Protein backbone atom coordinates (compact mmCIF):
# COMPACT_ATOMS: atom_id res chain seq x y z
CA UNK A 1 -79.92 51.39 -7.82
CA UNK A 2 -80.93 54.27 -5.87
CA UNK A 3 -84.58 55.36 -6.94
CA UNK A 4 -84.67 59.22 -6.86
CA UNK A 5 -84.96 60.34 -3.24
CA UNK A 6 -84.61 56.96 -1.30
CA UNK A 7 -81.50 56.27 1.25
CA UNK A 8 -79.64 52.99 1.21
CA UNK A 9 -79.52 51.54 4.27
CA UNK A 10 -77.49 53.13 6.82
CA UNK A 11 -74.08 51.22 7.30
CA UNK A 12 -70.21 51.77 7.73
CA UNK A 13 -67.58 49.63 5.99
CA UNK A 14 -64.87 47.36 7.30
CA UNK A 15 -62.64 47.68 4.84
CA UNK A 16 -62.78 50.02 1.55
CA UNK A 17 -65.28 50.62 -0.17
CA UNK A 18 -64.57 52.50 -3.74
CA UNK A 19 -68.46 53.98 -5.89
CA UNK A 20 -68.26 55.40 -9.32
CA UNK A 21 -71.53 56.65 -10.16
CA UNK A 22 -72.93 56.07 -12.99
CA UNK A 23 -75.59 57.65 -13.92
CA UNK A 24 -77.73 60.55 -11.52
CA UNK A 25 -76.34 61.47 -8.01
CA UNK A 26 -75.97 60.77 -4.52
CA UNK A 27 -75.38 62.74 -1.05
CA UNK A 28 -74.00 61.46 2.43
CA UNK A 29 -71.97 63.00 4.68
CA UNK A 30 -68.81 63.54 2.64
CA UNK A 31 -70.60 65.50 0.09
CA UNK A 32 -72.80 65.13 -3.47
CA UNK A 33 -71.49 62.41 -5.88
CA UNK A 34 -72.19 62.85 -9.48
CA UNK A 35 -71.84 61.51 -12.64
CA UNK A 36 -68.46 60.13 -13.48
CA UNK A 37 -67.50 61.15 -9.19
CA UNK A 38 -65.37 58.36 -7.29
CA UNK A 39 -66.08 58.40 -3.24
CA UNK A 40 -63.53 55.85 -1.58
CA UNK A 41 -65.48 55.12 1.95
CA UNK A 42 -63.17 53.09 4.35
CA UNK A 43 -63.49 52.31 8.46
CA UNK A 44 -63.69 55.80 9.48
CA UNK A 45 -67.03 56.21 7.58
CA UNK A 46 -70.98 55.89 8.44
CA UNK A 47 -73.30 56.83 6.25
CA UNK A 48 -76.28 57.01 4.33
CA UNK A 49 -76.23 57.84 1.10
CA UNK A 50 -79.44 59.47 -0.43
CA UNK A 51 -79.94 59.51 -4.13
CA UNK A 52 -80.99 63.31 -5.81
CA UNK A 53 -84.79 64.14 -6.04
CA UNK A 54 -84.30 64.28 -9.66
CA UNK A 55 -82.94 61.32 -11.23
CA UNK A 56 -82.90 57.00 -10.55
CA UNK A 57 -79.03 57.16 -9.08
CA UNK A 58 -77.20 54.31 -10.68
CA UNK A 59 -73.69 53.27 -9.26
CA UNK A 60 -70.53 50.67 -9.44
CA UNK A 61 -69.44 50.03 -6.06
CA UNK A 62 -66.70 47.77 -5.52
CA UNK A 63 -65.78 46.30 -1.29
CA UNK A 64 -63.01 44.20 -0.24
CA UNK A 65 -64.74 43.58 2.78
CA UNK A 66 -68.50 43.11 3.73
CA UNK A 67 -70.87 46.09 4.66
CA UNK A 68 -71.67 47.39 8.96
CA UNK A 69 -75.02 47.69 8.42
CA UNK A 70 -77.61 49.00 11.08
CA UNK A 71 -81.25 48.12 12.13
CA UNK A 72 -83.05 45.74 10.38
CA UNK A 73 -80.79 45.74 6.73
CA UNK A 74 -78.38 44.03 9.46
CA UNK A 75 -80.68 40.70 9.46
CA UNK A 76 -81.39 40.40 6.17
CA UNK A 77 -77.31 40.30 5.28
CA UNK A 78 -75.94 37.10 5.69
CA UNK A 79 -79.23 36.59 3.55
CA UNK A 80 -78.12 39.22 1.06
CA UNK A 81 -74.57 38.11 1.00
CA UNK A 82 -73.27 42.16 1.60
């Protein structure tokens, strides 16, 4: 869930992440992803997804390895198990 106009924490990937947009849309360095779109992220992608300003974005994201968070989010990662 990403509230409209809000950015997710800046992060990279240790493995694959598949993200299916169920409602709304988001944009990152790879492009614009709307309802029904799937983004495939691998270890080469480092991004900060931002929800479209018009509607909250709800996605189903599946990963096969933990994310590589940056900044303060990295400190919370062990407690959030992400």
